[in-house]
């Protein structure tokens, strides 16, 4: 008999993964969490996907650090905000990662990750959609180990890269067509502005 897991699903993208969690009790939440809400909801697992707020340590402690994040970058590259944008600007690896949430933003041990080949001829919007499809597939493939409590925890070794939301503001000019800007234009801009990551040297 399968054990019902109570999942606190954080973020506005949670509807994408609802079919994967259909055998469990799911509570969706988009607002900033406070410890009283977590105590009341009493989840077995926190699953963060597209959540815009940092989860405090006292909340992680409340769920015994049983918290997972889905991030559309190949960690440790492009931790933080706008990972797809920065992977094109800086020429860093592209992919998706699922990791345990720790006190460091996107620094927790990896459950699973996958490098995703993307075409520079596609737009930022198209590649963004591909990455979201891939990370949902990755969750589906690894959900059994996550729900059972036996998911891997592989430490991130390299320093990688990190960006704040405000870092993108200085480069808005490259998004002449918004999210429909072709990715090769971002690549060219990164070269012209000498923004390529040192790993390319």
Protein backbone atom coordinates (compact mmCIF):
# COMPACT_ATOMS: atom_id res chain seq x y z
CA UNK A 1 0.00 0.00 0.00
CA UNK A 2 1.44 3.37 -1.03
CA UNK A 3 1.85 6.04 1.63
CA UNK A 4 0.06 9.32 0.92
CA UNK A 5 2.55 12.20 0.92
CA UNK A 6 1.36 15.70 1.78
CA UNK A 7 3.20 18.04 -0.60
CA UNK A 8 3.39 21.80 -0.15
CA UNK A 9 3.85 22.98 -3.72
CA UNK A 10 5.27 26.50 -3.95
CA UNK A 11 5.09 28.75 -7.00
CA UNK A 12 2.83 29.89 -9.80
CA UNK A 13 4.06 27.10 -12.12
CA UNK A 14 2.74 24.33 -9.89
CA UNK A 15 -0.13 23.45 -12.25
CA UNK A 16 2.45 22.07 -14.71
CA UNK A 17 3.45 19.33 -12.29
CA UNK A 18 0.01 18.51 -10.87
CA UNK A 19 -0.30 15.28 -12.91
CA UNK A 20 2.96 13.97 -11.44
CA UNK A 21 1.67 14.57 -7.91
CA UNK A 22 -1.86 13.27 -8.54
CA UNK A 23 -1.51 10.32 -6.14
CA UNK A 24 -0.74 12.61 -3.20
CA UNK A 25 -2.33 15.38 -1.20
CA UNK A 26 -1.12 18.68 -2.67
CA UNK A 27 -1.41 22.16 -1.20
CA UNK A 28 -0.50 25.00 -3.59
CA UNK A 29 1.02 28.24 -2.25
CA UNK A 30 2.39 31.32 -4.00
CA UNK A 31 2.68 33.89 -1.19
CA UNK A 32 5.69 34.27 1.15
CA UNK A 33 5.67 31.42 3.67
CA UNK A 34 5.67 31.92 7.40
CA UNK A 35 6.43 29.24 9.93
CA UNK A 36 2.90 29.27 11.39
CA UNK A 37 1.41 28.46 7.99
CA UNK A 38 3.83 25.56 7.59
CA UNK A 39 2.98 24.24 11.03
CA UNK A 40 -0.71 24.39 10.20
CA UNK A 41 -0.30 22.73 6.79
CA UNK A 42 2.15 20.15 8.19
CA UNK A 43 3.62 19.01 4.87
CA UNK A 44 5.83 15.96 4.45
CA UNK A 45 7.67 17.65 1.60
CA UNK A 46 8.10 21.14 0.16
CA UNK A 47 8.40 21.28 -3.63
CA UNK A 48 9.39 24.67 -5.06
CA UNK A 49 8.90 25.44 -8.76
CA UNK A 50 8.93 29.02 -10.02
CA UNK A 51 8.63 30.30 -6.44
CA UNK A 52 9.76 33.92 -6.13
CA UNK A 53 10.57 34.00 -2.42
CA UNK A 54 13.46 32.73 -0.32
CA UNK A 55 12.48 29.97 2.11
CA UNK A 56 13.83 30.81 5.60
CA UNK A 57 15.88 28.25 7.50
CA UNK A 58 13.31 28.07 10.31
CA UNK A 59 10.76 26.78 7.77
CA UNK A 60 13.23 24.29 6.30
CA UNK A 61 13.92 23.10 9.82
CA UNK A 62 10.18 22.70 10.44
CA UNK A 63 9.97 20.19 7.57
CA UNK A 64 13.30 18.59 8.59
CA UNK A 65 14.95 20.09 5.48
CA UNK A 66 12.79 17.85 3.30
CA UNK A 67 12.48 20.48 0.57
CA UNK A 68 13.21 20.30 -3.15
CA UNK A 69 13.63 23.03 -5.78
CA UNK A 70 13.27 22.80 -9.56
CA UNK A 71 15.64 25.20 -11.36
CA UNK A 72 15.95 25.71 -15.13
CA UNK A 73 19.73 25.82 -15.28
CA UNK A 74 22.52 23.28 -15.26
CA UNK A 75 23.69 23.99 -11.72
CA UNK A 76 26.06 25.28 -10.49
CA UNK A 77 25.74 27.55 -13.55
CA UNK A 78 23.24 30.38 -13.37
CA UNK A 79 22.06 30.12 -9.82
CA UNK A 80 19.53 32.79 -8.89
CA UNK A 81 17.44 34.84 -11.30
CA UNK A 82 16.91 34.63 -15.09
CA UNK A 83 19.06 31.53 -15.68
CA UNK A 84 18.08 31.03 -19.33
CA UNK A 85 18.91 34.64 -20.22
CA UNK A 86 22.35 34.46 -18.60
CA UNK A 87 23.25 31.13 -20.17
CA UNK A 88 23.05 32.80 -23.61
CA UNK A 89 24.71 36.08 -22.58
CA UNK A 90 27.63 34.37 -20.84
CA UNK A 91 27.84 31.22 -22.94
CA UNK A 92 27.44 28.87 -19.98
CA UNK A 93 26.01 25.32 -20.05
CA UNK A 94 22.25 24.98 -20.47
CA UNK A 95 20.04 22.49 -18.73
CA UNK A 96 17.74 21.76 -15.79
CA UNK A 97 18.36 20.72 -12.20
CA UNK A 98 16.42 19.44 -9.22
CA UNK A 99 18.15 20.01 -5.89
CA UNK A 100 17.63 19.93 -2.15
CA UNK A 101 16.97 23.37 -0.69
CA UNK A 102 19.57 24.62 1.76
CA UNK A 103 20.41 28.01 3.26
CA UNK A 104 22.41 28.99 0.16
CA UNK A 105 20.35 30.01 -2.89
CA UNK A 106 20.38 27.17 -5.45
CA UNK A 107 23.46 25.69 -3.75
CA UNK A 108 21.89 22.55 -2.31
CA UNK A 109 22.90 18.99 -3.23
CA UNK A 110 21.56 17.73 -6.56
CA UNK A 111 18.82 15.15 -6.90
CA UNK A 112 19.11 15.04 -10.69
CA UNK A 113 20.04 17.24 -13.62
CA UNK A 114 20.15 17.12 -17.40
CA UNK A 115 22.00 19.13 -20.02
CA UNK A 116 19.52 20.38 -22.63
CA UNK A 117 20.60 21.15 -26.21
CA UNK A 118 19.03 24.42 -27.36
CA UNK A 119 19.14 26.21 -30.70
CA UNK A 120 20.39 29.80 -30.86
CA UNK A 121 17.97 30.30 -33.76
CA UNK A 122 15.05 29.93 -31.35
CA UNK A 123 13.76 32.79 -29.23
CA UNK A 124 14.25 33.23 -25.51
CA UNK A 125 10.56 32.38 -25.10
CA UNK A 126 10.85 29.10 -27.03
CA UNK A 127 13.97 27.94 -25.19
CA UNK A 128 12.35 28.90 -21.88
CA UNK A 129 9.42 26.64 -22.74
CA UNK A 130 11.73 23.77 -23.69
CA UNK A 131 13.55 24.04 -20.37
CA UNK A 132 10.27 23.97 -18.44
CA UNK A 133 9.14 20.88 -20.34
CA UNK A 134 12.45 19.19 -19.60
CA UNK A 135 12.42 19.93 -15.89
CA UNK A 136 8.89 18.56 -15.58
CA UNK A 137 10.06 15.41 -17.36
CA UNK A 138 13.03 15.21 -14.99
CA UNK A 139 10.74 15.46 -11.96
CA UNK A 140 8.49 12.74 -13.37
CA UNK A 141 11.47 10.43 -13.88
CA UNK A 142 12.78 11.00 -10.34
CA UNK A 143 9.54 11.38 -8.40
CA UNK A 144 9.52 7.82 -7.03
CA UNK A 145 12.87 8.32 -5.32
CA UNK A 146 11.82 11.75 -4.03
CA UNK A 147 8.48 10.63 -2.58
CA UNK A 148 10.06 7.58 -0.98
CA UNK A 149 12.70 9.70 0.77
CA UNK A 150 15.61 8.04 -1.02
CA UNK A 151 16.48 10.70 -3.57
CA UNK A 152 20.20 11.30 -4.20
CA UNK A 153 22.04 14.23 -2.65
CA UNK A 154 25.07 14.99 -4.83
CA UNK A 155 27.10 18.00 -3.70
CA UNK A 156 27.74 20.81 -6.18
CA UNK A 157 31.51 21.06 -6.50
CA UNK A 158 32.19 23.92 -8.91
CA UNK A 159 31.58 27.57 -8.06
CA UNK A 160 29.53 28.17 -11.21
CA UNK A 161 27.73 31.51 -11.57
CA UNK A 162 24.99 33.49 -9.85
CA UNK A 163 22.79 36.47 -10.76
CA UNK A 164 20.35 38.71 -8.95
CA UNK A 165 17.14 39.92 -10.56
CA UNK A 166 18.59 43.44 -10.73
CA UNK A 167 21.61 42.26 -12.76
CA UNK A 168 19.48 42.01 -15.87
CA UNK A 169 18.44 45.68 -15.82
CA UNK A 170 21.70 46.93 -17.35
CA UNK A 171 21.18 44.68 -20.37
CA UNK A 172 17.54 45.36 -21.26
CA UNK A 173 18.61 46.88 -24.59
CA UNK A 174 19.41 43.43 -25.98
CA UNK A 175 15.77 42.39 -25.57
CA UNK A 176 14.57 44.48 -28.52
CA UNK A 177 11.79 41.96 -29.15
CA UNK A 178 11.20 41.09 -25.52
CA UNK A 179 11.03 37.34 -24.87
CA UNK A 180 10.74 36.79 -28.63
CA UNK A 181 14.33 38.00 -29.14
CA UNK A 182 16.37 35.30 -30.94
CA UNK A 183 18.96 33.73 -28.68
CA UNK A 184 21.77 34.26 -31.19
CA UNK A 185 21.34 38.01 -30.62
CA UNK A 186 21.97 37.46 -26.91
CA UNK A 187 25.06 35.43 -27.74
CA UNK A 188 26.39 38.19 -29.99
CA UNK A 189 25.64 40.85 -27.39
CA UNK A 190 27.54 38.86 -24.77
CA UNK A 191 30.56 38.69 -27.06
CA UNK A 192 30.44 42.41 -27.92
CA UNK A 193 30.06 43.46 -24.27
CA UNK A 194 32.79 41.06 -23.11
CA UNK A 195 30.32 39.29 -20.86
CA UNK A 196 31.33 35.74 -21.71
CA UNK A 197 32.04 33.64 -18.66
CA UNK A 198 35.73 32.82 -17.95
CA UNK A 199 35.02 29.14 -18.66
CA UNK A 200 34.97 30.14 -22.35
CA UNK A 201 38.51 31.50 -22.27
